[in-house]
Amino acid sequence: MENTASPAKSGLIYGLLFGVIMILEFVIGYVMNIDPQTNRSYGITINVLNFLLLPLVFIYLGCDNYKMKLNSGFVSFGQCLKIGVTICVIAGLIYSVFSSVFGMIFPEYFEEMFRKMRIVMTEKSPEMTSEQIDMAISFSKKFMNPVIAIPSTVVMFAFIGLIYSLIIGAIVKKDANQSF
């Protein structure tokens, strides 16, 4: 049997969808003025969605789509890895580029975030000196620089995609029967 469909096709579709959902979460939080630093349940919910549930769901959907609709009911473990990593890399790239552009358009958003971060750090760790808090915030600001933020987000999501693809690939793989 000749394999004509690329795993990237399935990965692209679901990666775009995953990235758009993360952007919508960000925009909804911004519009509704919900701060993940001061509203802990919102922050935890977003993190669980973006780093646990959504990657698992989209990797499963991507692998299943490739298996059932694009590859005649077969998907190898390696193809699952390609699909999962592709989904997460595309989603991470879309989200990090959006976040960087958003920060350039609305720099006051991140300045407000750093102001709230200072307040939370002071309340949670009163033993920290002002210099230590300044250092922590300057370190965070360095990671908000698009030159660092975009590649590190993509690498982080690639790693997440790899781990989850290993699990999902072991579950959904179905190799084509090969005759010798």
N, C-alpha and C. Protein backbone atom coordinates (compact mmCIF):
# COMPACT_ATOMS: atom_id res chain seq x y z
N MET A 1 0.83 -1.18 0.00
CA MET A 1 0.00 0.00 0.00
C MET A 1 0.88 1.24 0.00
N GLU A 2 0.59 2.16 -0.86
CA GLU A 2 1.36 3.39 -1.04
C GLU A 2 0.82 4.47 -0.10
N ASN A 3 1.68 5.06 0.70
CA ASN A 3 1.28 6.12 1.62
C ASN A 3 1.44 7.45 0.89
N THR A 4 0.33 8.12 0.58
CA THR A 4 0.39 9.37 -0.16
C THR A 4 0.16 10.60 0.71
N ALA A 5 -0.50 10.44 1.84
CA ALA A 5 -0.79 11.58 2.71
C ALA A 5 0.34 11.78 3.71
N SER A 6 0.71 13.03 3.89
CA SER A 6 1.76 13.36 4.85
C SER A 6 1.15 13.56 6.24
N PRO A 7 1.84 13.08 7.28
CA PRO A 7 1.35 13.33 8.64
C PRO A 7 1.26 14.83 8.95
N ALA A 8 2.07 15.62 8.26
CA ALA A 8 2.06 17.07 8.50
C ALA A 8 0.72 17.69 8.15
N LYS A 9 0.00 17.11 7.21
CA LYS A 9 -1.31 17.65 6.84
C LYS A 9 -2.26 17.62 8.02
N SER A 10 -2.32 16.52 8.72
CA SER A 10 -3.16 16.40 9.90
C SER A 10 -2.62 17.28 11.02
N GLY A 11 -1.30 17.32 11.17
CA GLY A 11 -0.68 18.14 12.21
C GLY A 11 -0.93 19.62 12.01
N LEU A 12 -0.91 20.07 10.77
CA LEU A 12 -1.11 21.49 10.48
C LEU A 12 -2.51 21.94 10.86
N ILE A 13 -3.50 21.16 10.48
CA ILE A 13 -4.89 21.52 10.76
C ILE A 13 -5.12 21.65 12.27
N TYR A 14 -4.73 20.63 13.01
CA TYR A 14 -4.99 20.64 14.44
C TYR A 14 -4.05 21.58 15.19
N GLY A 15 -2.86 21.82 14.69
CA GLY A 15 -1.96 22.79 15.29
C GLY A 15 -2.51 24.21 15.17
N LEU A 16 -3.06 24.52 14.00
CA LEU A 16 -3.68 25.84 13.81
C LEU A 16 -4.87 26.01 14.77
N LEU A 17 -5.68 25.00 14.87
CA LEU A 17 -6.85 25.05 15.75
C LEU A 17 -6.42 25.22 17.22
N PHE A 18 -5.45 24.46 17.65
CA PHE A 18 -4.93 24.55 19.01
C PHE A 18 -4.38 25.95 19.27
N GLY A 19 -3.60 26.49 18.34
CA GLY A 19 -3.04 27.83 18.50
C GLY A 19 -4.12 28.90 18.59
N VAL A 20 -5.13 28.78 17.76
CA VAL A 20 -6.23 29.76 17.78
C VAL A 20 -7.00 29.68 19.10
N ILE A 21 -7.19 28.49 19.62
CA ILE A 21 -7.89 28.35 20.91
C ILE A 21 -7.09 29.01 22.03
N MET A 22 -5.76 28.84 22.03
CA MET A 22 -4.95 29.48 23.06
C MET A 22 -5.02 31.01 22.94
N ILE A 23 -5.04 31.51 21.70
CA ILE A 23 -5.16 32.96 21.49
C ILE A 23 -6.52 33.44 22.01
N LEU A 24 -7.57 32.69 21.71
CA LEU A 24 -8.91 33.08 22.20
C LEU A 24 -8.95 33.11 23.72
N GLU A 25 -8.32 32.15 24.38
CA GLU A 25 -8.27 32.16 25.85
C GLU A 25 -7.59 33.44 26.34
N PHE A 26 -6.49 33.80 25.71
CA PHE A 26 -5.74 34.99 26.08
C PHE A 26 -6.59 36.25 25.88
N VAL A 27 -7.22 36.35 24.71
CA VAL A 27 -8.02 37.53 24.39
C VAL A 27 -9.23 37.64 25.31
N ILE A 28 -9.90 36.52 25.58
CA ILE A 28 -11.05 36.55 26.48
C ILE A 28 -10.62 37.00 27.88
N GLY A 29 -9.50 36.49 28.37
CA GLY A 29 -8.99 36.92 29.66
C GLY A 29 -8.65 38.40 29.67
N TYR A 30 -8.09 38.90 28.58
CA TYR A 30 -7.74 40.32 28.48
C TYR A 30 -8.99 41.19 28.44
N VAL A 31 -9.95 40.81 27.60
CA VAL A 31 -11.17 41.60 27.44
C VAL A 31 -11.99 41.62 28.72
N MET A 32 -12.05 40.47 29.40
CA MET A 32 -12.83 40.39 30.63
C MET A 32 -12.04 40.84 31.85
N ASN A 33 -10.78 41.25 31.62
CA ASN A 33 -9.90 41.74 32.67
C ASN A 33 -9.72 40.70 33.78
N ILE A 34 -9.50 39.45 33.37
CA ILE A 34 -9.24 38.38 34.32
C ILE A 34 -7.73 38.17 34.36
N ASP A 35 -7.18 38.32 35.52
CA ASP A 35 -5.73 38.21 35.67
C ASP A 35 -5.35 36.86 36.27
N PRO A 36 -4.53 36.07 35.55
CA PRO A 36 -4.16 34.76 36.09
C PRO A 36 -3.27 34.83 37.34
N GLN A 37 -2.65 35.97 37.59
CA GLN A 37 -1.80 36.09 38.78
C GLN A 37 -2.61 36.34 40.04
N THR A 38 -3.66 37.13 39.92
CA THR A 38 -4.47 37.42 41.09
C THR A 38 -5.69 36.50 41.20
N ASN A 39 -6.14 35.95 40.10
CA ASN A 39 -7.25 34.99 40.09
C ASN A 39 -6.65 33.61 39.85
N ARG A 40 -6.27 32.95 40.92
CA ARG A 40 -5.52 31.69 40.82
C ARG A 40 -6.31 30.59 40.10
N SER A 41 -7.61 30.52 40.30
CA SER A 41 -8.38 29.45 39.65
C SER A 41 -8.38 29.63 38.14
N TYR A 42 -8.43 30.86 37.67
CA TYR A 42 -8.35 31.12 36.23
C TYR A 42 -6.97 30.72 35.70
N GLY A 43 -5.93 31.10 36.40
CA GLY A 43 -4.57 30.76 35.98
C GLY A 43 -4.34 29.26 35.93
N ILE A 44 -4.83 28.55 36.94
CA ILE A 44 -4.68 27.09 36.98
C ILE A 44 -5.47 26.46 35.84
N THR A 45 -6.69 26.94 35.62
CA THR A 45 -7.52 26.40 34.54
C THR A 45 -6.85 26.57 33.18
N ILE A 46 -6.32 27.75 32.91
CA ILE A 46 -5.66 28.02 31.63
C ILE A 46 -4.43 27.13 31.48
N ASN A 47 -3.65 26.99 32.53
CA ASN A 47 -2.46 26.14 32.45
C ASN A 47 -2.81 24.68 32.24
N VAL A 48 -3.82 24.18 32.93
CA VAL A 48 -4.24 22.79 32.74
C VAL A 48 -4.74 22.58 31.31
N LEU A 49 -5.51 23.54 30.81
CA LEU A 49 -5.99 23.43 29.43
C LEU A 49 -4.83 23.45 28.43
N ASN A 50 -3.96 24.45 28.52
CA ASN A 50 -2.92 24.65 27.52
C ASN A 50 -1.78 23.65 27.57
N PHE A 51 -1.51 23.11 28.74
CA PHE A 51 -0.35 22.23 28.86
C PHE A 51 -0.70 20.77 29.11
N LEU A 52 -1.98 20.47 29.33
CA LEU A 52 -2.37 19.09 29.59
C LEU A 52 -3.51 18.64 28.68
N LEU A 53 -4.68 19.22 28.86
CA LEU A 53 -5.86 18.72 28.15
C LEU A 53 -5.84 19.00 26.65
N LEU A 54 -5.64 20.25 26.26
CA LEU A 54 -5.69 20.57 24.83
C LEU A 54 -4.62 19.85 24.01
N PRO A 55 -3.36 19.78 24.48
CA PRO A 55 -2.39 19.01 23.69
C PRO A 55 -2.79 17.54 23.54
N LEU A 56 -3.25 16.94 24.63
CA LEU A 56 -3.67 15.53 24.54
C LEU A 56 -4.82 15.35 23.56
N VAL A 57 -5.81 16.22 23.65
CA VAL A 57 -6.98 16.12 22.77
C VAL A 57 -6.58 16.33 21.31
N PHE A 58 -5.82 17.37 21.03
CA PHE A 58 -5.48 17.66 19.64
C PHE A 58 -4.50 16.65 19.04
N ILE A 59 -3.60 16.13 19.84
CA ILE A 59 -2.70 15.09 19.33
C ILE A 59 -3.51 13.83 19.03
N TYR A 60 -4.41 13.48 19.92
CA TYR A 60 -5.26 12.31 19.66
C TYR A 60 -6.10 12.53 18.40
N LEU A 61 -6.73 13.69 18.30
CA LEU A 61 -7.56 13.98 17.12
C LEU A 61 -6.73 13.98 15.84
N GLY A 62 -5.53 14.55 15.90
CA GLY A 62 -4.66 14.58 14.73
C GLY A 62 -4.24 13.19 14.29
N CYS A 63 -3.85 12.36 15.25
CA CYS A 63 -3.45 10.98 14.93
C CYS A 63 -4.63 10.17 14.41
N ASP A 64 -5.77 10.33 15.05
CA ASP A 64 -6.97 9.60 14.62
C ASP A 64 -7.43 10.07 13.24
N ASN A 65 -7.37 11.38 12.99
CA ASN A 65 -7.73 11.91 11.67
C ASN A 65 -6.82 11.34 10.59
N TYR A 66 -5.54 11.32 10.87
CA TYR A 66 -4.59 10.78 9.89
C TYR A 66 -4.86 9.30 9.65
N LYS A 67 -5.08 8.59 10.73
CA LYS A 67 -5.30 7.15 10.63
C LYS A 67 -6.58 6.82 9.86
N MET A 68 -7.67 7.46 10.21
CA MET A 68 -8.98 7.10 9.65
C MET A 68 -9.28 7.76 8.31
N LYS A 69 -8.87 9.00 8.15
CA LYS A 69 -9.29 9.73 6.94
C LYS A 69 -8.20 9.89 5.89
N LEU A 70 -6.96 9.86 6.29
CA LEU A 70 -5.89 10.15 5.34
C LEU A 70 -5.02 8.94 5.00
N ASN A 71 -5.07 7.89 5.83
CA ASN A 71 -4.12 6.80 5.63
C ASN A 71 -4.78 5.42 5.72
N SER A 72 -5.99 5.29 5.30
CA SER A 72 -6.69 4.00 5.17
C SER A 72 -6.71 3.17 6.44
N GLY A 73 -6.82 3.80 7.60
CA GLY A 73 -6.95 3.07 8.85
C GLY A 73 -5.64 2.66 9.51
N PHE A 74 -4.51 3.17 9.00
CA PHE A 74 -3.21 2.80 9.56
C PHE A 74 -2.44 4.05 9.97
N VAL A 75 -1.72 3.93 11.08
CA VAL A 75 -0.81 4.99 11.52
C VAL A 75 0.30 4.32 12.33
N SER A 76 1.52 4.66 12.02
CA SER A 76 2.65 4.09 12.74
C SER A 76 2.98 4.95 13.96
N PHE A 77 3.79 4.40 14.83
CA PHE A 77 4.23 5.11 16.02
C PHE A 77 5.00 6.38 15.61
N GLY A 78 5.87 6.26 14.63
CA GLY A 78 6.65 7.40 14.15
C GLY A 78 5.78 8.49 13.56
N GLN A 79 4.75 8.08 12.83
CA GLN A 79 3.83 9.08 12.27
C GLN A 79 3.09 9.81 13.38
N CYS A 80 2.72 9.10 14.43
CA CYS A 80 2.07 9.75 15.58
C CYS A 80 3.00 10.78 16.22
N LEU A 81 4.28 10.44 16.32
CA LEU A 81 5.24 11.40 16.87
C LEU A 81 5.32 12.64 16.00
N LYS A 82 5.40 12.44 14.69
CA LYS A 82 5.46 13.58 13.77
C LYS A 82 4.22 14.46 13.90
N ILE A 83 3.08 13.83 13.93
CA ILE A 83 1.82 14.57 14.02
C ILE A 83 1.76 15.36 15.33
N GLY A 84 2.05 14.71 16.45
CA GLY A 84 1.95 15.37 17.75
C GLY A 84 2.92 16.51 17.92
N VAL A 85 4.17 16.31 17.51
CA VAL A 85 5.15 17.38 17.63
C VAL A 85 4.79 18.53 16.69
N THR A 86 4.32 18.21 15.48
CA THR A 86 3.91 19.25 14.54
C THR A 86 2.77 20.08 15.10
N ILE A 87 1.78 19.41 15.67
CA ILE A 87 0.62 20.12 16.25
C ILE A 87 1.10 21.09 17.33
N CYS A 88 1.92 20.62 18.23
CA CYS A 88 2.34 21.46 19.35
C CYS A 88 3.31 22.57 18.92
N VAL A 89 4.19 22.29 17.97
CA VAL A 89 5.11 23.32 17.48
C VAL A 89 4.33 24.44 16.79
N ILE A 90 3.38 24.07 15.94
CA ILE A 90 2.59 25.08 15.24
C ILE A 90 1.77 25.90 16.24
N ALA A 91 1.14 25.23 17.19
CA ALA A 91 0.34 25.94 18.20
C ALA A 91 1.22 26.88 19.02
N GLY A 92 2.38 26.39 19.45
CA GLY A 92 3.29 27.22 20.23
C GLY A 92 3.81 28.41 19.44
N LEU A 93 4.10 28.20 18.17
CA LEU A 93 4.58 29.29 17.31
C LEU A 93 3.49 30.35 17.13
N ILE A 94 2.29 29.91 16.84
CA ILE A 94 1.17 30.85 16.65
C ILE A 94 0.94 31.66 17.92
N TYR A 95 0.89 30.97 19.05
CA TYR A 95 0.61 31.64 20.31
C TYR A 95 1.74 32.61 20.69
N SER A 96 2.98 32.18 20.54
CA SER A 96 4.09 33.04 20.95
C SER A 96 4.24 34.26 20.04
N VAL A 97 4.00 34.10 18.76
CA VAL A 97 4.04 35.25 17.85
C VAL A 97 2.91 36.22 18.21
N PHE A 98 1.71 35.68 18.44
CA PHE A 98 0.59 36.54 18.84
C PHE A 98 0.92 37.30 20.12
N SER A 99 1.42 36.59 21.12
CA SER A 99 1.74 37.21 22.40
C SER A 99 2.78 38.31 22.24
N SER A 100 3.78 38.08 21.40
CA SER A 100 4.82 39.08 21.17
C SER A 100 4.26 40.31 20.46
N VAL A 101 3.44 40.08 19.45
CA VAL A 101 2.82 41.20 18.73
C VAL A 101 1.88 41.96 19.67
N PHE A 102 1.12 41.23 20.47
CA PHE A 102 0.21 41.85 21.43
C PHE A 102 1.00 42.74 22.39
N GLY A 103 2.14 42.24 22.86
CA GLY A 103 2.98 43.02 23.77
C GLY A 103 3.54 44.27 23.12
N MET A 104 3.77 44.24 21.81
CA MET A 104 4.26 45.44 21.11
C MET A 104 3.13 46.45 20.90
N ILE A 105 1.93 45.95 20.66
CA ILE A 105 0.79 46.84 20.44
C ILE A 105 0.28 47.42 21.76
N PHE A 106 0.23 46.58 22.79
CA PHE A 106 -0.27 46.99 24.11
C PHE A 106 0.81 46.76 25.17
N PRO A 107 1.88 47.57 25.17
CA PRO A 107 2.95 47.34 26.15
C PRO A 107 2.48 47.54 27.60
N GLU A 108 1.43 48.31 27.78
CA GLU A 108 0.93 48.55 29.14
C GLU A 108 0.37 47.27 29.77
N TYR A 109 -0.05 46.32 28.94
CA TYR A 109 -0.58 45.06 29.48
C TYR A 109 0.51 44.33 30.27
N PHE A 110 1.70 44.21 29.68
CA PHE A 110 2.77 43.49 30.37
C PHE A 110 3.35 44.31 31.51
N GLU A 111 3.35 45.64 31.39
CA GLU A 111 3.82 46.47 32.51
C GLU A 111 2.89 46.29 33.72
N GLU A 112 1.59 46.22 33.45
CA GLU A 112 0.62 45.98 34.52
C GLU A 112 0.83 44.59 35.13
N MET A 113 1.14 43.62 34.27
CA MET A 113 1.39 42.26 34.74
C MET A 113 2.61 42.23 35.67
N PHE A 114 3.66 42.96 35.31
CA PHE A 114 4.85 43.00 36.15
C PHE A 114 4.57 43.74 37.46
N ARG A 115 3.73 44.76 37.41
CA ARG A 115 3.35 45.49 38.63
C ARG A 115 2.61 44.54 39.58
N LYS A 116 1.67 43.76 39.03
CA LYS A 116 0.92 42.80 39.85
C LYS A 116 1.84 41.69 40.35
N MET A 117 2.81 41.31 39.54
CA MET A 117 3.77 40.28 39.93
C MET A 117 4.55 40.76 41.16
N ARG A 118 4.93 42.03 41.15
CA ARG A 118 5.66 42.59 42.29
C ARG A 118 4.80 42.53 43.56
N ILE A 119 3.53 42.87 43.43
CA ILE A 119 2.62 42.85 44.59
C ILE A 119 2.46 41.43 45.12
N VAL A 120 2.24 40.48 44.21
CA VAL A 120 2.05 39.08 44.62
C VAL A 120 3.32 38.54 45.28
N MET A 121 4.48 38.86 44.71
CA MET A 121 5.75 38.38 45.29
C MET A 121 5.97 38.98 46.68
N THR A 122 5.62 40.23 46.85
CA THR A 122 5.79 40.88 48.15
C THR A 122 4.88 40.25 49.19
N GLU A 123 3.63 39.93 48.79
CA GLU A 123 2.68 39.32 49.72
C GLU A 123 3.04 37.87 50.04
N LYS A 124 3.43 37.11 49.03
CA LYS A 124 3.69 35.68 49.23
C LYS A 124 5.04 35.41 49.89
N SER A 125 6.01 36.29 49.62
CA SER A 125 7.36 36.10 50.17
C SER A 125 7.85 37.41 50.78
N PRO A 126 7.35 37.76 51.94
CA PRO A 126 7.75 39.05 52.54
C PRO A 126 9.24 39.10 52.90
N GLU A 127 9.87 37.93 52.99
CA GLU A 127 11.30 37.92 53.33
C GLU A 127 12.19 38.33 52.15
N MET A 128 11.62 38.38 50.94
CA MET A 128 12.41 38.79 49.77
C MET A 128 12.69 40.29 49.83
N THR A 129 13.93 40.64 49.52
CA THR A 129 14.28 42.06 49.49
C THR A 129 13.80 42.68 48.19
N SER A 130 13.78 43.97 48.16
CA SER A 130 13.35 44.70 46.97
C SER A 130 14.28 44.38 45.79
N GLU A 131 15.57 44.20 46.08
CA GLU A 131 16.53 43.87 45.02
C GLU A 131 16.25 42.49 44.43
N GLN A 132 15.89 41.54 45.28
CA GLN A 132 15.57 40.19 44.80
C GLN A 132 14.31 40.21 43.93
N ILE A 133 13.32 40.98 44.34
CA ILE A 133 12.11 41.10 43.54
C ILE A 133 12.41 41.76 42.21
N ASP A 134 13.22 42.83 42.25
CA ASP A 134 13.61 43.51 41.00
C ASP A 134 14.35 42.55 40.07
N MET A 135 15.22 41.72 40.63
CA MET A 135 15.96 40.76 39.83
C MET A 135 15.02 39.73 39.19
N ALA A 136 14.07 39.24 39.97
CA ALA A 136 13.12 38.26 39.44
C ALA A 136 12.28 38.87 38.32
N ILE A 137 11.85 40.10 38.51
CA ILE A 137 11.04 40.76 37.49
C ILE A 137 11.88 41.06 36.24
N SER A 138 13.11 41.47 36.42
CA SER A 138 13.96 41.73 35.24
C SER A 138 14.24 40.44 34.49
N PHE A 139 14.38 39.34 35.22
CA PHE A 139 14.56 38.04 34.58
C PHE A 139 13.32 37.68 33.77
N SER A 140 12.14 37.93 34.32
CA SER A 140 10.89 37.67 33.60
C SER A 140 10.77 38.56 32.37
N LYS A 141 11.19 39.81 32.49
CA LYS A 141 11.13 40.73 31.35
C LYS A 141 12.04 40.26 30.22
N LYS A 142 13.19 39.68 30.57
CA LYS A 142 14.09 39.16 29.53
C LYS A 142 13.42 38.05 28.74
N PHE A 143 12.64 37.22 29.43
CA PHE A 143 11.96 36.13 28.75
C PHE A 143 10.73 36.60 27.97
N MET A 144 10.31 37.84 28.17
CA MET A 144 9.21 38.39 27.39
C MET A 144 9.71 38.97 26.08
N ASN A 145 11.02 39.12 25.93
CA ASN A 145 11.61 39.59 24.68
C ASN A 145 11.30 38.57 23.58
N PRO A 146 10.72 39.00 22.45
CA PRO A 146 10.34 38.05 21.39
C PRO A 146 11.49 37.16 20.91
N VAL A 147 12.71 37.67 20.94
CA VAL A 147 13.85 36.87 20.49
C VAL A 147 14.06 35.65 21.38
N ILE A 148 13.70 35.75 22.63
CA ILE A 148 13.81 34.63 23.56
C ILE A 148 12.47 33.92 23.72
N ALA A 149 11.39 34.69 23.79
CA ALA A 149 10.07 34.11 24.08
C ALA A 149 9.60 33.16 22.98
N ILE A 150 9.74 33.55 21.73
CA ILE A 150 9.22 32.72 20.64
C ILE A 150 9.95 31.38 20.56
N PRO A 151 11.29 31.37 20.47
CA PRO A 151 11.95 30.06 20.40
C PRO A 151 11.76 29.20 21.65
N SER A 152 11.77 29.81 22.83
CA SER A 152 11.62 29.00 24.04
C SER A 152 10.20 28.43 24.15
N THR A 153 9.20 29.17 23.71
CA THR A 153 7.83 28.65 23.71
C THR A 153 7.69 27.50 22.73
N VAL A 154 8.28 27.66 21.55
CA VAL A 154 8.21 26.59 20.54
C VAL A 154 8.91 25.33 21.04
N VAL A 155 10.06 25.49 21.66
CA VAL A 155 10.80 24.33 22.19
C VAL A 155 10.00 23.67 23.31
N MET A 156 9.41 24.47 24.19
CA MET A 156 8.62 23.91 25.28
C MET A 156 7.43 23.12 24.74
N PHE A 157 6.72 23.68 23.77
CA PHE A 157 5.58 22.97 23.20
C PHE A 157 6.02 21.75 22.39
N ALA A 158 7.19 21.81 21.76
CA ALA A 158 7.71 20.64 21.04
C ALA A 158 7.96 19.50 22.03
N PHE A 159 8.51 19.83 23.18
CA PHE A 159 8.76 18.81 24.20
C PHE A 159 7.45 18.23 24.72
N ILE A 160 6.47 19.10 24.97
CA ILE A 160 5.14 18.64 25.41
C ILE A 160 4.55 17.72 24.35
N GLY A 161 4.65 18.14 23.10
CA GLY A 161 4.12 17.33 22.00
C GLY A 161 4.82 15.98 21.90
N LEU A 162 6.12 15.96 22.13
CA LEU A 162 6.87 14.70 22.07
C LEU A 162 6.40 13.74 23.17
N ILE A 163 6.30 14.23 24.37
CA ILE A 163 5.89 13.37 25.50
C ILE A 163 4.48 12.83 25.28
N TYR A 164 3.55 13.70 24.95
CA TYR A 164 2.17 13.25 24.76
C TYR A 164 2.03 12.37 23.53
N SER A 165 2.82 12.62 22.49
CA SER A 165 2.77 11.79 21.29
C SER A 165 3.27 10.38 21.56
N LEU A 166 4.24 10.26 22.44
CA LEU A 166 4.71 8.92 22.81
C LEU A 166 3.58 8.12 23.45
N ILE A 167 2.82 8.77 24.31
CA ILE A 167 1.71 8.09 24.98
C ILE A 167 0.59 7.78 24.00
N ILE A 168 0.17 8.77 23.25
CA ILE A 168 -0.95 8.59 22.33
C ILE A 168 -0.57 7.66 21.18
N GLY A 169 0.66 7.77 20.70
CA GLY A 169 1.13 6.89 19.62
C GLY A 169 1.09 5.43 20.03
N ALA A 170 1.42 5.15 21.28
CA ALA A 170 1.36 3.77 21.77
C ALA A 170 -0.07 3.25 21.81
N ILE A 171 -1.02 4.15 21.98
CA ILE A 171 -2.43 3.76 22.07
C ILE A 171 -3.07 3.60 20.69
N VAL A 172 -2.86 4.56 19.80
CA VAL A 172 -3.61 4.57 18.53
C VAL A 172 -2.90 3.93 17.35
N LYS A 173 -1.63 3.58 17.50
CA LYS A 173 -0.90 3.07 16.35
C LYS A 173 -1.53 1.78 15.82
N LYS A 174 -1.51 1.68 14.51
CA LYS A 174 -1.97 0.47 13.84
C LYS A 174 -1.17 0.37 12.55
N ASP A 175 -0.18 -0.49 12.57
CA ASP A 175 0.69 -0.63 11.42
C ASP A 175 0.00 -1.45 10.34
N ALA A 176 0.31 -1.12 9.09
CA ALA A 176 -0.23 -1.89 7.96
C ALA A 176 0.42 -3.26 7.95
N ASN A 177 -0.34 -4.26 7.59
CA ASN A 177 0.22 -5.61 7.47
C ASN A 177 1.22 -5.62 6.32
N GLN A 178 2.38 -6.13 6.62
CA GLN A 178 3.40 -6.19 5.58
C GLN A 178 3.64 -7.64 5.20
N SER A 179 3.64 -7.89 3.92
CA SER A 179 3.92 -9.25 3.45
C SER A 179 5.36 -9.33 3.00
N PHE A 180 6.00 -10.46 3.26
CA PHE A 180 7.41 -10.63 2.93
C PHE A 180 7.56 -11.53 1.73
